[in-house]
Amino acid sequence: MLFELRQYRMKPGQQQRWVQLMEEEIIPFQVSKGMVVVASFIGEQDDSAYVWIRRFDSEAERDRLYKAVYESDYWKNEIAPQVGDLIDRSQTVVTRLTPTPLSVIR
């Protein structure tokens, strides 16, 4: 099992629009393709911070789900054009994580 901790920085004034896009379109779409979204967060004192966590059973599953989501026409034509308007892609940090034996999240 592996996790992705994805950290984004919003462009000024775009956090509310980003959260709406994530919760109304991106997360439901990805879940419909089989992604497991464990959690999503906004910065309590930093209105440019957005963090979310996804879980994968294996590297093979991650590869399959990435293809199902990011190579789809819906992603390319409907979602991707909006993303660049809202987040600063140059500051995106993706950290792959493996849970420790006593981790509650598995």
C-alpha atoms as a PDB file:
ATOM      1  CA  MET A   1       0.000   0.000   0.000  1.00  0.00           C
ATOM      2  CA  LEU A   2       1.176   3.506  -0.741  1.00  0.00           C
ATOM      3  CA  PHE A   3      -0.085   7.027  -0.295  1.00  0.00           C
ATOM      4  CA  GLU A   4       0.413  10.305  -2.089  1.00  0.00           C
ATOM      5  CA  LEU A   5       0.522  13.482  -0.050  1.00  0.00           C
ATOM      6  CA  ARG A   6      -0.176  16.237  -2.579  1.00  0.00           C
ATOM      7  CA  GLN A   7       0.512  19.837  -1.552  1.00  0.00           C
ATOM      8  CA  TYR A   8      -0.642  22.738  -3.714  1.00  0.00           C
ATOM      9  CA  ARG A   9      -0.369  26.517  -3.545  1.00  0.00           C
ATOM     10  CA  MET A  10      -3.326  28.528  -4.751  1.00  0.00           C
ATOM     11  CA  LYS A  11      -2.988  31.592  -6.879  1.00  0.00           C
ATOM     12  CA  PRO A  12      -4.049  34.702  -4.901  1.00  0.00           C
ATOM     13  CA  GLY A  13      -7.744  34.681  -4.054  1.00  0.00           C
ATOM     14  CA  GLN A  14      -8.447  31.285  -5.646  1.00  0.00           C
ATOM     15  CA  GLN A  15      -8.711  28.941  -2.662  1.00  0.00           C
ATOM     16  CA  GLN A  16     -12.520  28.978  -2.488  1.00  0.00           C
ATOM     17  CA  ARG A  17     -12.854  28.300  -6.224  1.00  0.00           C
ATOM     18  CA  TRP A  18     -10.251  25.507  -5.969  1.00  0.00           C
ATOM     19  CA  VAL A  19     -11.995  23.789  -3.066  1.00  0.00           C
ATOM     20  CA  GLN A  20     -15.294  23.970  -4.951  1.00  0.00           C
ATOM     21  CA  LEU A  21     -13.700  22.454  -8.075  1.00  0.00           C
ATOM     22  CA  MET A  22     -12.061  19.712  -6.009  1.00  0.00           C
ATOM     23  CA  GLU A  23     -15.172  18.798  -4.044  1.00  0.00           C
ATOM     24  CA  GLU A  24     -17.713  19.099  -6.856  1.00  0.00           C
ATOM     25  CA  GLU A  25     -15.740  17.812  -9.835  1.00  0.00           C
ATOM     26  CA  ILE A  26     -12.200  16.521  -9.321  1.00  0.00           C
ATOM     27  CA  ILE A  27     -12.666  14.256  -6.306  1.00  0.00           C
ATOM     28  CA  PRO A  28     -15.991  12.771  -7.486  1.00  0.00           C
ATOM     29  CA  PHE A  29     -14.537  12.150 -10.949  1.00  0.00           C
ATOM     30  CA  GLN A  30     -11.405  10.503  -9.586  1.00  0.00           C
ATOM     31  CA  VAL A  31     -13.407   8.390  -7.128  1.00  0.00           C
ATOM     32  CA  SER A  32     -15.668   7.274 -10.008  1.00  0.00           C
ATOM     33  CA  LYS A  33     -12.527   5.930 -11.710  1.00  0.00           C
ATOM     34  CA  GLY A  34     -11.489   4.013  -8.571  1.00  0.00           C
ATOM     35  CA  MET A  35      -9.207   6.480  -6.745  1.00  0.00           C
ATOM     36  CA  VAL A  36      -9.340   6.447  -2.956  1.00  0.00           C
ATOM     37  CA  VAL A  37      -9.146   9.973  -1.575  1.00  0.00           C
ATOM     38  CA  VAL A  38      -8.341   9.675   2.117  1.00  0.00           C
ATOM     39  CA  ALA A  39      -8.589  13.349   3.051  1.00  0.00           C
ATOM     40  CA  SER A  40      -8.311  16.927   1.850  1.00  0.00           C
ATOM     41  CA  PHE A  41      -7.378  20.044   3.811  1.00  0.00           C
ATOM     42  CA  ILE A  42      -6.980  23.792   3.519  1.00  0.00           C
ATOM     43  CA  GLY A  43      -4.449  25.819   5.458  1.00  0.00           C
ATOM     44  CA  GLU A  44      -5.851  27.121   8.725  1.00  0.00           C
ATOM     45  CA  GLN A  45      -3.652  30.208   8.655  1.00  0.00           C
ATOM     46  CA  ASP A  46      -2.455  30.076   5.037  1.00  0.00           C
ATOM     47  CA  ASP A  47      -5.171  30.702   2.472  1.00  0.00           C
ATOM     48  CA  SER A  48      -2.902  29.540  -0.348  1.00  0.00           C
ATOM     49  CA  ALA A  49      -2.405  26.006   1.048  1.00  0.00           C
ATOM     50  CA  TYR A  50      -4.346  22.945  -0.088  1.00  0.00           C
ATOM     51  CA  VAL A  51      -3.321  19.386   0.777  1.00  0.00           C
ATOM     52  CA  TRP A  52      -4.893  16.063  -0.087  1.00  0.00           C
ATOM     53  CA  ILE A  53      -4.022  12.415   0.340  1.00  0.00           C
ATOM     54  CA  ARG A  54      -4.746   9.505  -1.984  1.00  0.00           C
ATOM     55  CA  ARG A  55      -4.237   5.791  -1.267  1.00  0.00           C
ATOM     56  CA  PHE A  56      -3.229   3.043  -3.698  1.00  0.00           C
ATOM     57  CA  ASP A  57      -2.993  -0.697  -3.120  1.00  0.00           C
ATOM     58  CA  SER A  58       0.081  -0.997  -5.338  1.00  0.00           C
ATOM     59  CA  GLU A  59       2.220   0.753  -7.916  1.00  0.00           C
ATOM     60  CA  ALA A  60       0.368  -1.134 -10.642  1.00  0.00           C
ATOM     61  CA  GLU A  61      -2.957   0.201  -9.365  1.00  0.00           C
ATOM     62  CA  ARG A  62      -1.545   3.728  -9.193  1.00  0.00           C
ATOM     63  CA  ASP A  63      -0.385   3.487 -12.811  1.00  0.00           C
ATOM     64  CA  ARG A  64      -3.761   2.129 -13.949  1.00  0.00           C
ATOM     65  CA  LEU A  65      -5.717   4.830 -12.115  1.00  0.00           C
ATOM     66  CA  TYR A  66      -3.459   7.625 -13.348  1.00  0.00           C
ATOM     67  CA  LYS A  67      -4.147   6.500 -16.912  1.00  0.00           C
ATOM     68  CA  ALA A  68      -7.888   6.204 -16.299  1.00  0.00           C
ATOM     69  CA  VAL A  69      -8.044   9.740 -14.892  1.00  0.00           C
ATOM     70  CA  TYR A  70      -5.371  11.822 -16.585  1.00  0.00           C
ATOM     71  CA  GLU A  71      -5.643  10.315 -20.063  1.00  0.00           C
ATOM     72  CA  SER A  72      -9.435  10.635 -20.180  1.00  0.00           C
ATOM     73  CA  ASP A  73     -11.072  13.136 -22.496  1.00  0.00           C
ATOM     74  CA  TYR A  74     -13.047  14.546 -19.559  1.00  0.00           C
ATOM     75  CA  TRP A  75      -9.852  15.349 -17.649  1.00  0.00           C
ATOM     76  CA  LYS A  76      -8.062  16.783 -20.662  1.00  0.00           C
ATOM     77  CA  ASN A  77     -10.975  18.875 -21.919  1.00  0.00           C
ATOM     78  CA  GLU A  78     -12.944  19.837 -18.816  1.00  0.00           C
ATOM     79  CA  ILE A  79     -10.728  19.685 -15.726  1.00  0.00           C
ATOM     80  CA  ALA A  80      -7.131  20.364 -16.801  1.00  0.00           C
ATOM     81  CA  PRO A  81      -7.857  23.768 -18.363  1.00  0.00           C
ATOM     82  CA  GLN A  82      -9.289  24.996 -15.039  1.00  0.00           C
ATOM     83  CA  VAL A  83      -6.445  23.737 -12.858  1.00  0.00           C
ATOM     84  CA  GLY A  84      -3.803  26.119 -14.197  1.00  0.00           C
ATOM     85  CA  ASP A  85      -6.066  29.093 -13.541  1.00  0.00           C
ATOM     86  CA  LEU A  86      -6.342  28.261  -9.844  1.00  0.00           C
ATOM     87  CA  ILE A  87      -3.098  26.705  -8.614  1.00  0.00           C
ATOM     88  CA  ASP A  88       0.564  27.568  -9.001  1.00  0.00           C
ATOM     89  CA  ARG A  89       1.788  24.314 -10.529  1.00  0.00           C
ATOM     90  CA  SER A  90       5.429  25.295 -10.012  1.00  0.00           C
ATOM     91  CA  GLN A  91       4.937  24.942  -6.243  1.00  0.00           C
ATOM     92  CA  THR A  92       3.212  21.558  -6.268  1.00  0.00           C
ATOM     93  CA  VAL A  93       4.881  18.977  -4.031  1.00  0.00           C
ATOM     94  CA  VAL A  94       3.941  15.297  -4.258  1.00  0.00           C
ATOM     95  CA  THR A  95       5.354  13.019  -1.575  1.00  0.00           C
ATOM     96  CA  ARG A  96       4.905   9.268  -1.796  1.00  0.00           C
ATOM     97  CA  LEU A  97       4.454   7.639   1.582  1.00  0.00           C
ATOM     98  CA  THR A  98       4.313   4.115   2.975  1.00  0.00           C
ATOM     99  CA  PRO A  99       2.510   3.621   6.298  1.00  0.00           C
ATOM    100  CA  THR A 100       4.458   2.392   9.282  1.00  0.00           C
ATOM    101  CA  PRO A 101       3.271  -0.769  11.079  1.00  0.00           C
ATOM    102  CA  LEU A 102       1.288   1.145  13.723  1.00  0.00           C
ATOM    103  CA  SER A 103      -0.227   3.728  11.383  1.00  0.00           C
ATOM    104  CA  VAL A 104      -3.984   4.107  11.825  1.00  0.00           C
ATOM    105  CA  ILE A 105      -4.340   5.057   8.166  1.00  0.00           C
ATOM    106  CA  ARG A 106      -3.911   2.007   5.955  1.00  0.00           C
END
